[in-house]
């Protein structure tokens, strides 16, 4: 009898009960039901800044390009910086003049790019500044003009899209920002 109890105990240790094994199998499908991460794709972004005259035709065009990915980790972003530092006299003491420097140029930032069907969505921030032409000889210091935009945008892939537009402050023309997103080649 003791021998039979010992053999039964050894068999129970060697072969666990079926209900315990089923419980382990049931846990595995729950782990595999996590949604799959979407694949990461890369895009070239072309930004065209256009200054338009009163007739709506471009008088000045500048192009900037960068790349962005659709990574979902939230750390992927792109920045473009093209700037000039202009000196602005702040004080004169005899023959010595003190200057403060002002950055003017183009700043473009792209965050959180995501594919939405056949379109690309991203958060876009753009600042375009420059020195205005002085028409008054009594103004010895430069006047800085700035256009600043920030928005979540949705652009069709492969099609140039005007995302921002505004009137210029020192003329009757306007300024616009056109974005084209194209898939990066593999």
N, C-alpha and C. Protein backbone atom coordinates (compact mmCIF):
# COMPACT_ATOMS: atom_id res chain seq x y z
N UNK A 1 0.81 -1.18 0.00
CA UNK A 1 0.00 0.00 0.00
C UNK A 1 0.87 1.25 0.00
N UNK A 2 1.90 1.21 0.83
CA UNK A 2 2.81 2.36 0.86
C UNK A 2 3.51 2.53 -0.49
N UNK A 3 3.82 1.41 -1.07
CA UNK A 3 4.49 1.46 -2.35
C UNK A 3 3.54 2.10 -3.39
N UNK A 4 2.30 1.80 -3.37
CA UNK A 4 1.33 2.34 -4.31
C UNK A 4 1.16 3.85 -4.10
N UNK A 5 1.16 4.35 -2.88
CA UNK A 5 1.06 5.78 -2.59
C UNK A 5 2.32 6.49 -3.10
N UNK A 6 3.49 5.89 -2.88
CA UNK A 6 4.74 6.50 -3.33
C UNK A 6 4.77 6.60 -4.86
N UNK A 7 4.34 5.54 -5.55
CA UNK A 7 4.32 5.55 -7.01
C UNK A 7 3.31 6.59 -7.50
N UNK A 8 2.17 6.72 -6.85
CA UNK A 8 1.17 7.72 -7.25
C UNK A 8 1.71 9.13 -7.07
N UNK A 9 2.42 9.37 -5.98
CA UNK A 9 3.01 10.69 -5.75
C UNK A 9 4.06 11.01 -6.81
N UNK A 10 4.88 10.05 -7.15
CA UNK A 10 5.89 10.26 -8.21
C UNK A 10 5.23 10.55 -9.55
N UNK A 11 4.15 9.84 -9.88
CA UNK A 11 3.44 10.08 -11.14
C UNK A 11 2.81 11.47 -11.17
N UNK A 12 2.26 11.91 -10.03
CA UNK A 12 1.67 13.25 -9.97
C UNK A 12 2.74 14.34 -10.16
N UNK A 13 3.93 14.09 -9.61
CA UNK A 13 5.01 15.07 -9.77
C UNK A 13 5.54 15.07 -11.20
N UNK A 14 5.61 13.90 -11.81
CA UNK A 14 6.15 13.79 -13.16
C UNK A 14 5.17 14.32 -14.20
N UNK A 15 3.87 14.10 -13.99
CA UNK A 15 2.84 14.54 -14.92
C UNK A 15 1.84 15.43 -14.18
N UNK A 16 1.94 16.77 -14.37
CA UNK A 16 1.04 17.66 -13.65
C UNK A 16 -0.41 17.43 -14.08
N UNK A 17 -1.34 17.83 -13.26
CA UNK A 17 -2.76 17.67 -13.62
C UNK A 17 -3.07 18.42 -14.92
N UNK A 18 -4.01 17.92 -15.68
CA UNK A 18 -4.39 18.48 -16.98
C UNK A 18 -4.95 19.89 -16.82
N UNK A 19 -5.69 20.17 -15.78
CA UNK A 19 -6.28 21.51 -15.61
C UNK A 19 -5.19 22.56 -15.46
N UNK A 20 -4.08 22.24 -14.80
CA UNK A 20 -2.96 23.19 -14.66
C UNK A 20 -2.33 23.45 -16.02
N UNK A 21 -2.13 22.42 -16.82
CA UNK A 21 -1.53 22.58 -18.14
C UNK A 21 -2.45 23.38 -19.05
N UNK A 22 -3.76 23.19 -18.96
CA UNK A 22 -4.70 23.96 -19.78
C UNK A 22 -4.69 25.43 -19.39
N UNK A 23 -4.57 25.69 -18.11
CA UNK A 23 -4.53 27.09 -17.67
C UNK A 23 -3.33 27.80 -18.24
N UNK A 24 -2.20 27.12 -18.34
CA UNK A 24 -1.02 27.74 -18.93
C UNK A 24 -1.24 27.99 -20.42
N UNK A 25 -1.85 27.06 -21.12
CA UNK A 25 -2.10 27.23 -22.55
C UNK A 25 -3.08 28.38 -22.80
N UNK A 26 -4.03 28.57 -21.92
CA UNK A 26 -5.00 29.64 -22.11
C UNK A 26 -4.35 31.01 -21.96
N UNK A 27 -3.30 31.15 -21.20
CA UNK A 27 -2.64 32.44 -21.00
C UNK A 27 -1.87 32.87 -22.24
N UNK A 28 -1.40 31.93 -23.03
CA UNK A 28 -0.60 32.29 -24.21
C UNK A 28 -1.38 33.07 -25.25
N UNK A 29 -2.62 32.70 -25.60
CA UNK A 29 -3.34 33.49 -26.60
C UNK A 29 -3.60 34.92 -26.14
N UNK A 30 -3.78 35.13 -24.84
CA UNK A 30 -4.02 36.49 -24.35
C UNK A 30 -2.83 37.39 -24.64
N UNK A 31 -1.62 36.86 -24.54
CA UNK A 31 -0.43 37.66 -24.83
C UNK A 31 -0.32 37.97 -26.31
N UNK A 32 -0.74 37.06 -27.16
CA UNK A 32 -0.57 37.26 -28.60
C UNK A 32 -1.66 38.14 -29.19
N UNK A 33 -2.65 38.57 -28.40
CA UNK A 33 -3.70 39.41 -28.94
C UNK A 33 -3.34 40.90 -28.90
N UNK A 34 -2.13 41.24 -28.49
CA UNK A 34 -1.69 42.64 -28.52
C UNK A 34 -1.71 43.11 -29.97
N UNK A 35 -2.15 44.35 -30.22
CA UNK A 35 -2.14 44.83 -31.61
C UNK A 35 -0.71 44.96 -32.12
N UNK A 36 -0.52 44.59 -33.36
CA UNK A 36 0.81 44.66 -33.97
C UNK A 36 1.17 46.12 -34.21
N UNK A 37 2.43 46.45 -34.00
CA UNK A 37 2.91 47.80 -34.27
C UNK A 37 2.90 48.02 -35.78
N UNK A 38 2.43 49.19 -36.24
CA UNK A 38 2.46 49.44 -37.68
C UNK A 38 3.91 49.55 -38.16
N UNK A 39 4.16 49.18 -39.40
CA UNK A 39 5.54 49.27 -39.90
C UNK A 39 5.99 50.73 -39.99
N UNK A 40 7.27 50.95 -39.77
CA UNK A 40 7.83 52.29 -39.85
C UNK A 40 8.20 52.59 -41.31
N UNK A 41 7.72 53.72 -41.82
CA UNK A 41 8.05 54.17 -43.17
C UNK A 41 8.75 55.52 -43.09
N UNK A 42 9.57 55.79 -44.09
CA UNK A 42 10.33 57.04 -44.15
C UNK A 42 9.85 57.88 -45.32
N UNK A 43 9.81 59.19 -45.10
CA UNK A 43 9.34 60.13 -46.12
C UNK A 43 10.32 61.28 -46.25
N UNK A 44 10.45 61.77 -47.48
CA UNK A 44 11.15 63.02 -47.75
C UNK A 44 10.10 64.11 -47.70
N UNK A 45 10.38 65.18 -46.97
CA UNK A 45 9.48 66.33 -46.93
C UNK A 45 10.18 67.50 -47.60
N UNK A 46 9.51 68.09 -48.56
CA UNK A 46 10.03 69.28 -49.24
C UNK A 46 9.15 70.46 -48.85
N UNK A 47 9.77 71.48 -48.30
CA UNK A 47 9.07 72.69 -47.89
C UNK A 47 9.46 73.80 -48.86
N UNK A 48 8.48 74.46 -49.43
CA UNK A 48 8.73 75.58 -50.34
C UNK A 48 8.10 76.82 -49.72
N UNK A 49 8.95 77.80 -49.40
CA UNK A 49 8.49 79.08 -48.89
C UNK A 49 8.40 80.02 -50.08
N UNK A 50 7.21 80.56 -50.31
CA UNK A 50 7.01 81.46 -51.45
C UNK A 50 6.51 82.81 -50.96
N UNK A 51 7.19 83.85 -51.42
CA UNK A 51 6.70 85.20 -51.23
C UNK A 51 5.96 85.57 -52.51
N UNK A 52 4.72 86.01 -52.36
CA UNK A 52 3.88 86.31 -53.51
C UNK A 52 3.63 87.80 -53.62
N UNK A 53 3.63 88.31 -54.84
CA UNK A 53 3.34 89.71 -55.08
C UNK A 53 1.85 89.97 -55.02
N UNK A 54 1.46 91.21 -55.27
CA UNK A 54 0.04 91.57 -55.22
C UNK A 54 -0.77 90.84 -56.28
N UNK A 55 -0.10 90.39 -57.34
CA UNK A 55 -0.80 89.64 -58.39
C UNK A 55 -0.90 88.14 -58.08
N UNK A 56 -0.37 87.70 -56.95
CA UNK A 56 -0.43 86.30 -56.55
C UNK A 56 0.66 85.43 -57.15
N UNK A 57 1.58 86.04 -57.92
CA UNK A 57 2.67 85.27 -58.52
C UNK A 57 3.90 85.32 -57.62
N UNK A 58 4.68 84.22 -57.56
CA UNK A 58 5.87 84.19 -56.69
C UNK A 58 6.91 85.24 -57.08
N UNK A 59 7.39 85.99 -56.08
CA UNK A 59 8.48 86.93 -56.29
C UNK A 59 9.79 86.39 -55.71
N UNK A 60 9.68 85.42 -54.79
CA UNK A 60 10.86 84.81 -54.17
C UNK A 60 10.44 83.42 -53.70
N UNK A 61 11.27 82.42 -54.00
CA UNK A 61 10.98 81.04 -53.61
C UNK A 61 12.23 80.43 -53.01
N UNK A 62 12.05 79.77 -51.87
CA UNK A 62 13.16 79.06 -51.23
C UNK A 62 12.68 77.65 -50.88
N UNK A 63 13.56 76.65 -51.06
CA UNK A 63 13.20 75.26 -50.84
C UNK A 63 14.07 74.65 -49.75
N UNK A 64 13.44 73.87 -48.87
CA UNK A 64 14.13 73.18 -47.78
C UNK A 64 13.62 71.74 -47.75
N UNK A 65 14.51 70.78 -47.54
CA UNK A 65 14.11 69.38 -47.49
C UNK A 65 14.63 68.72 -46.23
N UNK A 66 13.90 67.70 -45.79
CA UNK A 66 14.30 66.90 -44.65
C UNK A 66 13.65 65.53 -44.79
N UNK A 67 13.94 64.64 -43.86
CA UNK A 67 13.33 63.31 -43.84
C UNK A 67 12.67 63.11 -42.49
N UNK A 68 11.62 62.27 -42.49
CA UNK A 68 10.90 61.97 -41.27
C UNK A 68 10.43 60.52 -41.35
N UNK A 69 10.26 59.89 -40.17
CA UNK A 69 9.74 58.52 -40.15
C UNK A 69 8.43 58.48 -39.39
N UNK A 70 7.69 57.40 -39.60
CA UNK A 70 6.41 57.22 -38.93
C UNK A 70 6.57 56.40 -37.66
N UNK A 71 7.71 56.47 -37.04
CA UNK A 71 7.97 55.73 -35.80
C UNK A 71 6.96 56.15 -34.74
N UNK A 72 6.44 55.18 -33.99
CA UNK A 72 5.42 55.49 -32.98
C UNK A 72 6.00 55.71 -31.60
N UNK A 73 7.31 55.70 -31.45
CA UNK A 73 7.88 55.88 -30.11
C UNK A 73 7.84 57.33 -29.64
N UNK A 74 7.44 58.27 -30.51
CA UNK A 74 7.29 59.66 -30.12
C UNK A 74 8.58 60.45 -30.05
N UNK A 75 9.71 59.82 -30.35
CA UNK A 75 10.98 60.53 -30.25
C UNK A 75 11.50 61.00 -31.60
N UNK A 76 10.80 60.65 -32.67
CA UNK A 76 11.29 61.01 -33.99
C UNK A 76 10.78 62.40 -34.38
N UNK A 77 11.68 63.26 -34.74
CA UNK A 77 11.32 64.59 -35.20
C UNK A 77 12.40 65.09 -36.15
N UNK A 78 12.07 66.12 -36.90
CA UNK A 78 13.03 66.73 -37.81
C UNK A 78 12.99 68.24 -37.62
N UNK A 79 14.14 68.87 -37.77
CA UNK A 79 14.25 70.33 -37.66
C UNK A 79 15.11 70.87 -38.78
N UNK A 80 14.71 72.02 -39.28
CA UNK A 80 15.49 72.75 -40.28
C UNK A 80 15.76 74.14 -39.70
N UNK A 81 17.01 74.55 -39.75
CA UNK A 81 17.42 75.88 -39.27
C UNK A 81 18.33 76.52 -40.30
N UNK A 82 17.93 77.65 -40.84
CA UNK A 82 18.82 78.46 -41.67
C UNK A 82 18.68 79.89 -41.15
N UNK A 83 19.77 80.40 -40.62
CA UNK A 83 19.67 81.70 -39.97
C UNK A 83 20.89 82.57 -40.26
N UNK A 84 20.64 83.86 -40.14
CA UNK A 84 21.70 84.87 -40.16
C UNK A 84 21.57 85.65 -38.87
N UNK A 85 22.71 86.08 -38.35
CA UNK A 85 22.70 86.90 -37.14
C UNK A 85 23.04 88.32 -37.56
N UNK A 86 22.10 89.22 -37.31
CA UNK A 86 22.35 90.61 -37.68
C UNK A 86 22.65 91.44 -36.42
N UNK A 87 23.66 92.31 -36.52
CA UNK A 87 23.99 93.15 -35.36
C UNK A 87 23.04 94.34 -35.26
N UNK A 88 22.59 94.62 -34.06
CA UNK A 88 21.74 95.79 -33.81
C UNK A 88 22.43 96.62 -32.73
N UNK A 89 22.81 97.86 -33.07
CA UNK A 89 23.48 98.70 -32.06
C UNK A 89 22.54 99.01 -30.91
N UNK A 90 23.03 98.81 -29.68
CA UNK A 90 22.20 99.05 -28.50
C UNK A 90 22.65 100.26 -27.69
N UNK A 91 23.94 100.58 -27.72
CA UNK A 91 24.43 101.74 -26.97
C UNK A 91 25.74 102.21 -27.58
N UNK A 92 25.95 103.50 -27.52
CA UNK A 92 27.20 104.08 -27.99
C UNK A 92 27.82 104.88 -26.86
N UNK A 93 29.11 104.59 -26.59
CA UNK A 93 29.84 105.29 -25.56
C UNK A 93 31.13 105.80 -26.20
N UNK A 94 31.09 107.00 -26.68
CA UNK A 94 32.26 107.55 -27.38
C UNK A 94 32.43 106.84 -28.71
N UNK A 95 33.58 106.21 -28.89
CA UNK A 95 33.83 105.49 -30.15
C UNK A 95 33.44 104.01 -30.05
N UNK A 96 33.03 103.55 -28.85
CA UNK A 96 32.62 102.15 -28.67
C UNK A 96 31.11 102.02 -28.83
N UNK A 97 30.71 101.04 -29.61
CA UNK A 97 29.29 100.75 -29.81
C UNK A 97 29.03 99.32 -29.36
N UNK A 98 27.99 99.12 -28.58
CA UNK A 98 27.58 97.78 -28.15
C UNK A 98 26.50 97.27 -29.11
N UNK A 99 26.55 95.96 -29.34
CA UNK A 99 25.60 95.35 -30.27
C UNK A 99 24.88 94.19 -29.61
N UNK A 100 23.66 94.03 -30.01
CA UNK A 100 22.89 92.84 -29.67
C UNK A 100 22.59 92.15 -31.00
N UNK A 101 22.73 90.83 -31.04
CA UNK A 101 22.52 90.11 -32.29
C UNK A 101 21.14 89.48 -32.32
N UNK A 102 20.49 89.59 -33.46
CA UNK A 102 19.16 89.04 -33.66
C UNK A 102 19.22 87.98 -34.76
N UNK A 103 18.70 86.78 -34.49
CA UNK A 103 18.64 85.73 -35.50
C UNK A 103 17.44 85.97 -36.40
N UNK A 104 17.67 85.89 -37.71
CA UNK A 104 16.58 85.94 -38.69
C UNK A 104 16.80 84.79 -39.66
N UNK A 105 15.72 84.24 -40.17
CA UNK A 105 15.84 83.13 -41.11
C UNK A 105 14.63 82.23 -41.06
N UNK A 106 14.86 80.93 -41.25
CA UNK A 106 13.78 79.95 -41.35
C UNK A 106 14.00 78.85 -40.31
N UNK A 107 12.96 78.57 -39.53
CA UNK A 107 12.92 77.45 -38.58
C UNK A 107 11.70 76.60 -38.91
N UNK A 108 11.92 75.32 -39.20
CA UNK A 108 10.82 74.40 -39.47
C UNK A 108 11.02 73.17 -38.60
N UNK A 109 9.98 72.78 -37.87
CA UNK A 109 10.01 71.61 -37.00
C UNK A 109 8.85 70.69 -37.34
N UNK A 110 9.15 69.37 -37.43
CA UNK A 110 8.14 68.35 -37.72
C UNK A 110 8.18 67.32 -36.60
N UNK A 111 7.01 67.02 -36.03
CA UNK A 111 6.89 66.02 -34.96
C UNK A 111 5.73 65.08 -35.27
N UNK A 112 5.82 63.86 -34.77
CA UNK A 112 4.74 62.87 -34.77
C UNK A 112 4.15 62.60 -36.15
N UNK A 113 4.96 62.15 -37.07
CA UNK A 113 4.45 61.79 -38.40
C UNK A 113 3.74 60.44 -38.34
N UNK A 114 2.55 60.39 -38.91
CA UNK A 114 1.75 59.17 -38.95
C UNK A 114 1.08 59.04 -40.31
N UNK A 115 0.99 57.81 -40.80
CA UNK A 115 0.26 57.57 -42.04
C UNK A 115 -1.22 57.44 -41.72
N UNK A 116 -2.04 58.11 -42.50
CA UNK A 116 -3.49 58.04 -42.38
C UNK A 116 -4.01 57.74 -43.79
N UNK A 117 -4.20 56.47 -44.08
CA UNK A 117 -4.59 56.09 -45.44
C UNK A 117 -3.48 56.44 -46.41
N UNK A 118 -3.81 57.23 -47.44
CA UNK A 118 -2.82 57.67 -48.43
C UNK A 118 -2.36 59.11 -48.15
N UNK A 119 -2.35 59.47 -46.88
CA UNK A 119 -1.95 60.80 -46.48
C UNK A 119 -0.96 60.70 -45.32
N UNK A 120 -0.25 61.79 -45.08
CA UNK A 120 0.70 61.85 -43.98
C UNK A 120 0.27 62.97 -43.04
N UNK A 121 0.14 62.64 -41.77
CA UNK A 121 -0.25 63.61 -40.74
C UNK A 121 0.99 63.90 -39.89
N UNK A 122 1.18 65.16 -39.52
CA UNK A 122 2.28 65.52 -38.63
C UNK A 122 2.02 66.88 -38.02
N UNK A 123 2.71 67.12 -36.91
CA UNK A 123 2.65 68.44 -36.27
C UNK A 123 3.74 69.29 -36.89
N UNK A 124 3.37 70.46 -37.38
CA UNK A 124 4.30 71.33 -38.10
C UNK A 124 4.35 72.70 -37.43
N UNK A 125 5.57 73.18 -37.23
CA UNK A 125 5.80 74.52 -36.71
C UNK A 125 6.79 75.20 -37.64
N UNK A 126 6.47 76.41 -38.09
CA UNK A 126 7.35 77.14 -39.01
C UNK A 126 7.42 78.61 -38.61
N UNK A 127 8.64 79.13 -38.59
CA UNK A 127 8.88 80.55 -38.33
C UNK A 127 9.79 81.07 -39.43
N UNK A 128 9.34 82.13 -40.09
CA UNK A 128 10.13 82.74 -41.16
C UNK A 128 10.27 84.22 -40.82
N UNK A 129 11.50 84.66 -40.62
CA UNK A 129 11.73 86.06 -40.25
C UNK A 129 12.80 86.66 -41.15
N UNK A 130 12.77 87.98 -41.23
CA UNK A 130 13.75 88.69 -42.05
C UNK A 130 13.75 90.16 -41.73
N UNK A 131 14.72 90.87 -42.28
CA UNK A 131 14.84 92.31 -42.09
C UNK A 131 14.00 92.99 -43.15
N UNK A 132 13.09 93.84 -42.71
CA UNK A 132 12.22 94.57 -43.63
C UNK A 132 12.98 95.71 -44.28
N UNK A 133 12.56 96.07 -45.48
CA UNK A 133 13.14 97.24 -46.14
C UNK A 133 12.69 98.49 -45.39
N UNK A 134 13.64 99.38 -45.12
CA UNK A 134 13.33 100.62 -44.40
C UNK A 134 13.05 101.72 -45.40
N UNK A 135 11.86 102.27 -45.31
CA UNK A 135 11.48 103.37 -46.23
C UNK A 135 11.62 104.73 -45.54
N UNK A 136 11.83 104.70 -44.23
CA UNK A 136 11.93 105.93 -43.47
C UNK A 136 13.39 106.11 -43.04
N UNK A 137 14.04 107.16 -43.51
CA UNK A 137 15.44 107.42 -43.18
C UNK A 137 15.62 107.76 -41.70
N UNK A 138 14.54 108.09 -41.00
CA UNK A 138 14.64 108.43 -39.59
C UNK A 138 14.74 107.18 -38.71
N UNK A 139 14.50 106.00 -39.28
CA UNK A 139 14.61 104.75 -38.51
C UNK A 139 16.01 104.18 -38.70
N UNK A 140 16.91 104.40 -37.74
CA UNK A 140 18.27 103.91 -37.91
C UNK A 140 18.42 102.41 -37.64
N UNK A 141 17.48 101.82 -36.92
CA UNK A 141 17.58 100.41 -36.57
C UNK A 141 16.74 99.56 -37.51
N UNK A 142 17.16 98.32 -37.74
CA UNK A 142 16.39 97.47 -38.65
C UNK A 142 15.05 97.06 -38.04
N UNK A 143 14.10 96.79 -38.91
CA UNK A 143 12.79 96.29 -38.50
C UNK A 143 12.74 94.82 -38.88
N UNK A 144 12.40 93.97 -37.92
CA UNK A 144 12.34 92.52 -38.14
C UNK A 144 10.88 92.14 -38.38
N UNK A 145 10.63 91.43 -39.49
CA UNK A 145 9.30 90.91 -39.80
C UNK A 145 9.32 89.40 -39.56
N UNK A 146 8.20 88.86 -39.05
CA UNK A 146 8.17 87.43 -38.73
C UNK A 146 6.79 86.85 -39.04
N UNK A 147 6.78 85.71 -39.71
CA UNK A 147 5.58 84.92 -39.91
C UNK A 147 5.78 83.63 -39.12
N UNK A 148 4.80 83.27 -38.30
CA UNK A 148 4.93 82.10 -37.44
C UNK A 148 3.63 81.30 -37.52
N UNK A 149 3.77 79.99 -37.79
CA UNK A 149 2.62 79.11 -37.89
C UNK A 149 2.88 77.85 -37.09
N UNK A 150 1.82 77.25 -36.56
CA UNK A 150 1.92 75.95 -35.90
C UNK A 150 0.56 75.27 -36.00
N UNK A 151 0.56 74.01 -36.47
CA UNK A 151 -0.70 73.27 -36.60
C UNK A 151 -0.40 71.79 -36.86
N UNK A 152 -1.41 70.97 -36.64
CA UNK A 152 -1.37 69.59 -37.10
C UNK A 152 -1.88 69.61 -38.53
N UNK A 153 -1.11 69.03 -39.44
CA UNK A 153 -1.49 69.08 -40.85
C UNK A 153 -1.65 67.66 -41.40
N UNK A 154 -2.42 67.55 -42.48
CA UNK A 154 -2.65 66.30 -43.17
C UNK A 154 -2.43 66.58 -44.65
N UNK A 155 -1.40 65.96 -45.23
CA UNK A 155 -1.08 66.21 -46.64
C UNK A 155 -1.16 64.91 -47.43
N UNK A 156 -1.69 64.98 -48.66
CA UNK A 156 -1.69 63.80 -49.51
C UNK A 156 -0.26 63.46 -49.92
N UNK A 157 0.04 62.17 -49.94
CA UNK A 157 1.39 61.75 -50.30
C UNK A 157 1.62 61.98 -51.79
N UNK A 158 2.74 62.67 -52.09
CA UNK A 158 3.13 62.92 -53.47
C UNK A 158 2.51 64.14 -54.12
N UNK A 159 1.70 64.90 -53.39
CA UNK A 159 1.03 66.07 -53.97
C UNK A 159 1.42 67.34 -53.21
N UNK A 160 1.95 68.37 -53.89
CA UNK A 160 2.26 69.63 -53.19
C UNK A 160 0.99 70.22 -52.58
N UNK A 161 1.09 70.61 -51.31
CA UNK A 161 -0.08 71.12 -50.59
C UNK A 161 0.30 72.39 -49.83
N UNK A 162 -0.46 73.45 -50.04
CA UNK A 162 -0.26 74.68 -49.28
C UNK A 162 -0.84 74.47 -47.89
N UNK A 163 0.02 74.55 -46.88
CA UNK A 163 -0.43 74.31 -45.51
C UNK A 163 -0.59 75.60 -44.71
N UNK A 164 0.17 76.64 -45.06
CA UNK A 164 0.06 77.92 -44.37
C UNK A 164 0.10 79.04 -45.40
N UNK A 165 -0.63 80.09 -45.13
CA UNK A 165 -0.55 81.29 -45.96
C UNK A 165 -0.94 82.49 -45.09
N UNK A 166 -0.31 83.63 -45.34
CA UNK A 166 -0.65 84.85 -44.60
C UNK A 166 -0.18 86.05 -45.40
N UNK A 167 -0.79 87.19 -45.11
CA UNK A 167 -0.37 88.44 -45.73
C UNK A 167 0.97 88.85 -45.15
N UNK A 168 1.78 89.51 -45.95
CA UNK A 168 3.02 90.08 -45.42
C UNK A 168 2.69 91.41 -44.76
N UNK A 169 3.49 91.77 -43.77
CA UNK A 169 3.20 92.97 -42.99
C UNK A 169 3.68 94.26 -43.65
N UNK A 170 4.67 94.16 -44.50
CA UNK A 170 5.24 95.39 -45.05
C UNK A 170 4.89 95.61 -46.52
N UNK A 171 3.99 94.82 -47.08
CA UNK A 171 3.56 95.03 -48.47
C UNK A 171 2.16 94.44 -48.63
N UNK A 172 1.65 94.50 -49.83
CA UNK A 172 0.32 93.96 -50.08
C UNK A 172 0.39 92.53 -50.60
N UNK A 173 1.57 91.96 -50.56
CA UNK A 173 1.73 90.58 -51.00
C UNK A 173 1.41 89.60 -49.88
N UNK A 174 1.80 88.36 -50.09
CA UNK A 174 1.55 87.34 -49.08
C UNK A 174 2.70 86.34 -49.06
N UNK A 175 2.68 85.45 -48.10
CA UNK A 175 3.69 84.41 -47.96
C UNK A 175 2.95 83.10 -47.74
N UNK A 176 3.49 82.02 -48.33
CA UNK A 176 2.87 80.71 -48.12
C UNK A 176 3.93 79.63 -47.97
N UNK A 177 3.53 78.54 -47.32
CA UNK A 177 4.39 77.38 -47.14
C UNK A 177 3.71 76.18 -47.79
N UNK A 178 4.40 75.57 -48.75
CA UNK A 178 3.89 74.42 -49.50
C UNK A 178 4.72 73.20 -49.10
N UNK A 179 4.04 72.07 -48.79
CA UNK A 179 4.72 70.85 -48.36
C UNK A 179 4.40 69.72 -49.34
N UNK A 180 5.44 68.95 -49.70
CA UNK A 180 5.26 67.74 -50.49
C UNK A 180 5.92 66.59 -49.74
N UNK A 181 5.15 65.53 -49.48
CA UNK A 181 5.67 64.33 -48.81
C UNK A 181 5.78 63.20 -49.84
N UNK A 182 6.98 62.65 -50.00
CA UNK A 182 7.18 61.54 -50.92
C UNK A 182 7.85 60.39 -50.17
N UNK A 183 7.43 59.14 -50.45
CA UNK A 183 8.06 58.01 -49.77
C UNK A 183 9.55 57.92 -50.12
N UNK A 184 10.35 57.60 -49.12
CA UNK A 184 11.79 57.40 -49.37
C UNK A 184 11.97 56.09 -50.11
N UNK A 185 12.92 56.03 -51.02
CA UNK A 185 13.17 54.82 -51.78
C UNK A 185 13.88 53.80 -50.91
N UNK A 186 13.54 52.55 -51.10
CA UNK A 186 14.16 51.47 -50.32
C UNK A 186 15.46 51.06 -50.94
